[in-house]
Protein backbone atom coordinates (compact mmCIF):
# COMPACT_ATOMS: atom_id res chain seq x y z
CA MET A 1 6.44 221.94 6.56
CA LYS A 2 7.61 224.73 4.28
CA VAL A 3 5.97 225.42 0.94
CA SER A 4 9.20 224.46 -0.88
CA GLU A 5 9.30 221.08 0.91
CA MET A 6 5.65 220.46 0.01
CA ILE A 7 6.36 221.18 -3.66
CA LYS A 8 9.28 218.70 -3.70
CA LEU A 9 7.04 216.03 -2.14
CA LEU A 10 4.25 216.68 -4.64
CA LYS A 11 6.62 216.48 -7.63
CA LYS A 12 7.83 213.07 -6.47
CA ASN A 13 4.24 211.80 -6.27
CA ASN A 14 2.75 212.49 -9.73
CA CYS A 15 1.49 216.00 -9.01
CA TYR A 16 2.26 218.84 -11.36
CA PHE A 17 1.96 222.59 -11.69
CA VAL A 18 -0.99 223.85 -13.76
CA GLU A 19 -1.09 227.67 -13.55
CA HIS A 20 -0.08 230.75 -11.57
CA GLY A 21 -2.69 232.60 -9.56
CA LYS A 22 -2.36 235.95 -7.84
CA GLU A 23 -1.15 234.54 -4.50
CA HIS A 24 -1.45 230.78 -5.02
CA ASP A 25 -0.39 228.33 -7.69
CA LYS A 26 -2.75 225.69 -9.05
CA TRP A 27 -1.53 222.08 -8.98
CA HIS A 28 -3.10 218.81 -10.15
CA SER A 29 -2.83 215.27 -8.79
CA ASP A 30 -3.07 212.29 -11.15
CA LEU A 31 -3.80 210.05 -8.15
CA THR A 32 -7.04 211.79 -7.18
CA GLY A 33 -7.83 213.78 -10.32
CA LYS A 34 -8.18 216.91 -8.15
CA ASP A 35 -6.84 220.42 -8.60
CA PHE A 36 -5.65 222.27 -5.51
CA ARG A 37 -3.96 225.53 -4.60
CA ILE A 38 -0.59 226.05 -2.91
CA PRO A 39 0.60 229.42 -1.53
CA ARG A 40 3.38 230.96 -3.62
CA HIS A 41 5.76 231.77 -0.74
CA PRO A 42 8.39 228.98 -0.78
CA SER A 43 10.16 229.98 2.45
CA LYS A 44 6.97 230.25 4.55
CA GLU A 45 5.68 227.53 6.86
CA LEU A 46 2.34 225.99 5.93
CA ALA A 47 -0.26 225.83 8.67
CA THR A 48 -0.86 222.24 9.79
CA GLY A 49 -4.45 222.19 8.54
CA THR A 50 -3.45 223.67 5.17
CA ALA A 51 -0.66 221.11 4.74
CA ASN A 52 -3.04 218.27 5.63
CA ASN A 53 -5.64 219.50 3.13
CA ILE A 54 -3.05 219.72 0.35
CA LEU A 55 -1.77 216.22 1.13
CA ARG A 56 -5.34 214.86 1.19
CA ASP A 57 -6.20 216.48 -2.15
CA ALA A 58 -2.97 215.10 -3.61
CA GLY A 59 -3.81 211.59 -2.41
CA LEU A 60 -0.85 211.37 -0.06
CA LYS A 61 -2.81 211.16 3.19
């Protein structure tokens, strides 16, 4: 899954952007109450483990 696809999925599921970091952006999930980081390279593929961790923190897995 690409970073841009992950962001679209997160936006549809009550997650929102919080702040820019140096290489990652901080996002928040209302479902879990957690903050998590997403790499700021929209055309790059996310590693499977990274994608799973983001989905878990967002409450989508």
